[in-house]
Protein backbone atom coordinates (compact mmCIF):
# COMPACT_ATOMS: atom_id res chain seq x y z
CA UNK A 1 15.47 8.20 16.75
CA UNK A 2 18.31 11.05 15.31
CA UNK A 3 17.05 13.56 11.94
CA UNK A 4 20.51 12.52 10.74
CA UNK A 5 20.77 9.33 11.66
CA UNK A 6 17.58 8.31 10.54
CA UNK A 7 18.92 9.76 7.09
CA UNK A 8 21.84 8.68 7.17
CA UNK A 9 20.31 4.47 7.62
CA UNK A 10 18.08 5.25 4.88
CA UNK A 11 20.81 6.32 2.79
CA UNK A 12 22.91 3.44 3.66
CA UNK A 13 20.39 0.59 3.08
CA UNK A 14 19.60 2.76 -0.47
CA UNK A 15 23.22 2.29 -1.18
CA UNK A 16 22.93 -1.83 0.03
CA UNK A 17 19.92 -2.08 -2.02
CA UNK A 18 21.25 -0.29 -6.04
CA UNK A 19 24.44 -2.72 -5.14
CA UNK A 20 22.31 -5.62 -4.97
CA UNK A 21 19.60 -4.86 -7.73
CA UNK A 22 22.82 -6.13 -10.37
CA UNK A 23 22.12 -3.10 -11.85
CA UNK A 24 18.52 -2.44 -12.34
CA UNK A 25 17.44 1.09 -12.14
CA UNK A 26 12.91 0.53 -10.68
CA UNK A 27 11.37 3.93 -11.40
CA UNK A 28 7.59 2.59 -10.13
CA UNK A 29 7.05 0.98 -6.24
CA UNK A 30 4.79 -1.53 -5.48
CA UNK A 31 3.57 -2.29 -1.89
CA UNK A 32 1.65 -5.46 -2.24
CA UNK A 33 -0.89 -6.78 1.05
CA UNK A 34 -1.91 -9.09 2.94
CA UNK A 35 -2.60 -11.86 0.32
CA UNK A 36 -1.56 -10.21 -2.29
CA UNK A 37 2.12 -10.87 -3.27
CA UNK A 38 1.92 -13.08 -5.44
CA UNK A 39 1.96 -10.98 -8.31
CA UNK A 40 5.56 -10.23 -7.41
CA UNK A 41 6.27 -13.71 -9.12
CA UNK A 42 4.79 -12.26 -12.30
CA UNK A 43 8.59 -9.84 -13.45
CA UNK A 44 10.25 -10.51 -15.23
CA UNK A 45 14.28 -10.41 -15.05
CA UNK A 46 13.38 -10.51 -11.45
CA UNK A 47 15.79 -10.47 -8.38
CA UNK A 48 14.81 -10.81 -4.83
CA UNK A 49 15.95 -9.02 -2.03
CA UNK A 50 14.86 -10.69 1.43
CA UNK A 51 15.25 -7.10 3.98
CA UNK A 52 17.31 -8.94 6.31
CA UNK A 53 19.78 -8.65 4.03
CA UNK A 54 19.79 -4.63 4.09
CA UNK A 55 21.33 -2.37 6.92
CA UNK A 56 18.85 -1.14 9.36
CA UNK A 57 15.78 -2.60 7.46
CA UNK A 58 12.80 -4.29 9.52
CA UNK A 59 12.05 -7.05 9.21
CA UNK A 60 8.11 -7.99 8.19
CA UNK A 61 6.63 -10.98 11.26
CA UNK A 62 3.25 -11.27 9.38
CA UNK A 63 2.21 -13.73 7.76
CA UNK A 64 1.07 -13.70 4.44
CA UNK A 65 4.25 -11.35 4.01
CA UNK A 66 7.23 -12.98 2.71
CA UNK A 67 9.29 -10.02 3.58
CA UNK A 68 11.98 -9.17 0.54
CA UNK A 69 12.03 -6.70 -2.65
CA UNK A 70 11.43 -8.17 -5.93
CA UNK A 71 13.20 -5.79 -8.83
CA UNK A 72 12.43 -6.14 -12.66
CA UNK A 73 10.36 -5.31 -15.33
CA UNK A 74 6.12 -6.30 -14.98
CA UNK A 75 4.55 -4.51 -18.44
CA UNK A 76 7.83 -4.23 -19.42
CA UNK A 77 8.59 -1.58 -16.86
CA UNK A 78 10.59 -1.12 -14.67
CA UNK A 79 9.26 -2.23 -10.96
CA UNK A 80 10.30 -2.98 -6.79
CA UNK A 81 8.03 -4.53 -5.28
CA UNK A 82 8.11 -4.90 -1.81
CA UNK A 83 6.45 -8.55 -1.23
CA UNK A 84 5.96 -7.71 2.13
CA UNK A 85 4.65 -4.52 4.06
CA UNK A 86 5.74 -3.59 7.68
CA UNK A 87 2.81 -2.62 10.14
CA UNK A 88 3.06 0.14 13.07
CA UNK A 89 1.28 -2.77 15.36
CA UNK A 90 4.32 -5.15 14.46
CA UNK A 91 5.47 -2.35 17.23
CA UNK A 92 7.44 -0.34 14.74
CA UNK A 93 7.80 3.11 15.53
CA UNK A 94 5.72 4.81 12.35
CA UNK A 95 9.20 6.04 10.61
CA UNK A 96 10.30 2.27 10.58
CA UNK A 97 6.74 1.83 9.15
CA UNK A 98 7.76 4.25 6.67
CA UNK A 99 11.75 3.50 5.93
CA UNK A 100 11.48 2.01 2.85
CA UNK A 101 9.52 4.17 0.65
CA UNK A 102 12.07 6.18 2.01
CA UNK A 103 14.73 3.60 0.85
CA UNK A 104 12.37 3.68 -2.13
CA UNK A 105 12.53 7.42 -3.32
CA UNK A 106 16.39 7.39 -2.79
CA UNK A 107 16.68 3.92 -5.61
CA UNK A 108 14.81 6.71 -8.06
CA UNK A 109 11.51 5.56 -7.69
CA UNK A 110 8.70 8.03 -8.50
CA UNK A 111 5.45 6.44 -8.42
CA UNK A 112 4.14 3.88 -5.28
CA UNK A 113 1.95 2.23 -6.42
CA UNK A 114 0.06 0.73 -2.07
CA UNK A 115 -3.10 -2.35 -1.65
CA UNK A 116 -3.97 -3.54 0.93
CA UNK A 117 -6.71 -5.89 2.69
CA UNK A 118 -9.33 -3.69 4.21
CA UNK A 119 -13.26 -4.17 5.34
CA UNK A 120 -15.86 -2.54 3.18
CA UNK A 121 -17.18 -0.13 5.55
CA UNK A 122 -20.51 1.18 2.36
CA UNK A 123 -23.00 -1.06 2.74
CA UNK A 124 -22.61 -1.34 -1.38
CA UNK A 125 -19.90 -3.19 -1.28
CA UNK A 126 -19.00 -6.43 -1.24
CA UNK A 127 -16.19 -8.84 -0.40
CA UNK A 128 -13.94 -9.46 -3.52
CA UNK A 129 -14.18 -7.01 -4.38
CA UNK A 130 -11.57 -3.57 -5.99
CA UNK A 131 -11.45 -0.05 -3.85
CA UNK A 132 -9.68 2.69 -5.78
CA UNK A 133 -8.41 5.02 -2.53
CA UNK A 134 -9.72 8.24 -3.06
CA UNK A 135 -8.74 9.83 0.04
CA UNK A 136 -8.64 8.78 3.57
CA UNK A 137 -8.78 9.19 7.30
CA UNK A 138 -5.45 9.12 9.57
CA UNK A 139 -6.67 7.17 12.85
CA UNK A 140 -3.25 5.92 14.07
CA UNK A 141 -3.14 8.18 16.69
CA UNK A 142 0.44 8.93 15.12
CA UNK A 143 1.80 10.74 11.79
CA UNK A 144 6.05 9.41 10.63
CA UNK A 145 6.91 13.71 9.83
CA UNK A 146 6.51 13.79 13.77
CA UNK A 147 10.17 15.11 14.78
CA UNK A 148 12.98 17.61 12.98
CA UNK A 149 12.25 17.74 9.13
CA UNK A 150 15.14 17.59 6.93
CA UNK A 151 14.41 19.70 3.49
CA UNK A 152 16.41 17.52 1.47
CA UNK A 153 13.90 14.78 1.71
CA UNK A 154 10.51 17.32 1.39
CA UNK A 155 8.66 19.88 3.17
CA UNK A 156 7.80 20.98 6.54
CA UNK A 157 4.07 20.69 5.33
CA UNK A 158 3.09 18.24 3.46
CA UNK A 159 -0.15 19.45 0.92
CA UNK A 160 -1.90 16.43 1.41
CA UNK A 161 -5.21 17.25 -0.49
CA UNK A 162 -4.44 15.15 -3.22
CA UNK A 163 -2.46 11.75 -1.81
CA UNK A 164 -4.00 10.41 -4.48
CA UNK A 165 -2.96 11.18 -7.79
CA UNK A 166 -6.28 11.76 -9.41
CA UNK A 167 -4.71 11.11 -12.84
CA UNK A 168 -4.06 7.27 -11.59
CA UNK A 169 -7.22 7.28 -10.15
CA UNK A 170 -9.71 8.51 -13.60
CA UNK A 171 -6.59 5.44 -14.86
CA UNK A 172 -7.72 2.67 -13.63
CA UNK A 173 -11.69 3.61 -13.51
CA UNK A 174 -11.20 3.38 -17.27
CA UNK A 175 -8.86 -0.07 -16.88
CA UNK A 176 -11.77 -0.76 -15.13
CA UNK A 177 -14.32 0.01 -17.30
CA UNK A 178 -12.66 -1.85 -19.67
CA UNK A 179 -12.69 -4.88 -18.19
CA UNK A 180 -16.22 -5.41 -16.99
CA UNK A 181 -15.27 -4.46 -13.08
CA UNK A 182 -18.26 -2.31 -13.02
CA UNK A 183 -21.07 -4.53 -13.82
CA UNK A 184 -23.28 -5.88 -10.39
CA UNK A 185 -22.76 -9.35 -12.04
CA UNK A 186 -18.60 -9.45 -11.68
CA UNK A 187 -17.12 -11.78 -8.97
CA UNK A 188 -15.12 -8.45 -8.18
CA UNK A 189 -16.13 -5.18 -8.81
CA UNK A 190 -13.60 -1.45 -8.76
CA UNK A 191 -15.50 1.30 -6.53
CA UNK A 192 -14.27 3.50 -5.23
CA UNK A 193 -13.16 5.46 -1.37
CA UNK A 194 -12.07 6.68 1.53
CA UNK A 195 -9.83 4.20 3.17
CA UNK A 196 -9.96 4.54 7.70
CA UNK A 197 -6.65 3.54 8.84
CA UNK A 198 -6.49 2.53 12.25
CA UNK A 199 -3.90 1.37 13.59
CA UNK A 200 -4.24 -2.04 13.98
CA UNK A 201 -3.59 -5.41 15.83
CA UNK A 202 -7.08 -5.77 17.03
CA UNK A 203 -10.41 -5.46 14.60
CA UNK A 204 -13.02 -2.35 15.91
CA UNK A 205 -15.99 -3.11 17.92
CA UNK A 206 -19.04 -1.88 16.00
CA UNK A 207 -19.56 1.35 18.15
CA UNK A 208 -16.26 1.86 16.63
CA UNK A 209 -16.93 1.08 12.97
CA UNK A 210 -20.05 2.87 13.45
CA UNK A 211 -18.61 5.61 14.10
CA UNK A 212 -15.99 5.42 11.37
CA UNK A 213 -18.26 5.13 8.48
CA UNK A 214 -20.61 8.38 9.41
CA UNK A 215 -17.16 10.19 9.61
CA UNK A 216 -17.17 9.43 5.77
CA UNK A 217 -15.30 6.58 5.68
CA UNK A 218 -16.26 3.51 3.43
CA UNK A 219 -12.56 0.82 4.19
CA UNK A 220 -11.03 0.07 6.68
CA UNK A 221 -7.28 -1.24 7.76
CA UNK A 222 -3.64 -1.28 9.81
CA UNK A 223 -1.55 0.29 6.77
CA UNK A 224 -1.32 2.76 3.90
CA UNK A 225 -1.57 6.22 5.51
CA UNK A 226 1.75 6.68 6.46
CA UNK A 227 2.81 5.41 4.25
CA UNK A 228 0.85 7.68 1.58
CA UNK A 229 1.60 10.57 3.88
CA UNK A 230 5.71 9.55 3.37
CA UNK A 231 5.68 9.28 -0.33
CA UNK A 232 3.92 12.93 -0.59
CA UNK A 233 6.27 14.58 1.71
CA UNK A 234 9.44 13.13 -0.72
CA UNK A 235 7.00 13.48 -4.00
CA UNK A 236 6.00 9.56 -4.88
CA UNK A 237 2.72 10.20 -6.94
CA UNK A 238 0.81 6.96 -5.55
CA UNK A 239 -2.08 5.13 -6.29
CA UNK A 240 -4.00 2.85 -3.81
CA UNK A 241 -6.39 -0.20 -3.58
CA UNK A 242 -8.10 -1.82 -1.42
CA UNK A 243 -9.13 -5.27 -1.80
CA UNK A 244 -12.53 -5.63 0.22
CA UNK A 245 -12.55 -8.53 2.03
CA UNK A 246 -14.78 -8.36 4.28
CA UNK A 247 -18.10 -6.43 5.36
CA UNK A 248 -17.56 -4.13 8.66
CA UNK A 249 -20.45 -2.30 9.52
CA UNK A 250 -21.23 -2.17 13.04
CA UNK A 251 -24.70 -3.47 13.47
CA UNK A 252 -24.28 -6.49 11.65
CA UNK A 253 -20.31 -7.82 12.15
CA UNK A 254 -19.35 -10.84 12.44
CA UNK A 255 -16.14 -12.90 14.38
CA UNK A 256 -13.60 -12.03 11.56
CA UNK A 257 -9.93 -13.91 11.18
CA UNK A 258 -7.38 -12.96 9.40
CA UNK A 259 -7.18 -16.38 8.24
CA UNK A 260 -10.34 -15.08 6.74
CA UNK A 261 -9.00 -12.17 4.87
CA UNK A 262 -6.15 -13.31 3.36
CA UNK A 263 -8.49 -16.17 1.63
CA UNK A 264 -11.08 -13.61 0.39
CA UNK A 265 -7.96 -11.59 -1.71
CA UNK A 266 -6.96 -14.90 -2.92
CA UNK A 267 -10.08 -15.15 -5.23
CA UNK A 268 -9.74 -11.79 -5.74
CA UNK A 269 -6.50 -11.75 -7.21
CA UNK A 270 -6.67 -12.58 -10.74
CA UNK A 271 -9.12 -9.37 -11.22
CA UNK A 272 -6.28 -7.53 -9.12
CA UNK A 273 -3.66 -8.17 -10.61
CA UNK A 274 -4.87 -7.58 -13.97
CA UNK A 275 -6.02 -4.68 -13.14
CA UNK A 276 -2.54 -3.55 -12.00
CA UNK A 277 -0.58 -5.54 -14.52
CA UNK A 278 -3.30 -3.30 -16.90
CA UNK A 279 -2.28 -0.15 -15.70
CA UNK A 280 1.40 -0.59 -15.42
CA UNK A 281 1.44 -1.16 -18.76
CA UNK A 282 -0.12 2.65 -19.75
CA UNK A 283 1.54 4.22 -16.98
CA UNK A 284 4.00 6.83 -18.98
CA UNK A 285 7.76 7.08 -17.31
């Protein structure tokens, strides 16, 4: 897709979305991963806008992803929630996968909360834990910024030394301690680590998981890295949180289904939602 055409489509989608928001002006974007979409139902003064109503907007095709924006207030903060995200493995180009990030930027969003369901490669993790993403390893084989750059949206070579905002991570760790998520007996403990993003849609082999763990990965999933690259490109501050839905340890790998991932994410929802809401409550605008 030509650069001029792409950015024109971003602007057209953003303008259409702005008209449908009925005067709402979100400043915080939330992207909800598999099994975590229920948080959107807690937004007050909400308006829901299916992706299919927006020009040029790709549609989510994965079970557990509703495929709509929900805008309103959460903990008194103006938010826009992606209830269902897009994935590279659905057949979209990576530029299409990150299209919603630029649309939210065009609306005036300044902070982005990224969530996902992930397999735990760190042996100290357990299913149901939440992991603050400290960094990522892009193993998708592509990058959303490949091709001509429009400097009006971001620099040709954006810095990724702090892809996930240090201050946001510190705030979430403090909130997790106050909520008791650091205790060993807690059903959902708060961890921190490196997220490995892969293309999918097949799960990894034992040998591949062993390799990624040795490279420094703590969790693995099929999303997030492209969106975070785009977010940093256009100047958004990012918080990333993974819900560890299964253990992806090469030597101990067991058969896994998408239904199991969603089921574990559902069990972790109370802690996940409480943590996100506490973060929003304390996030300065």
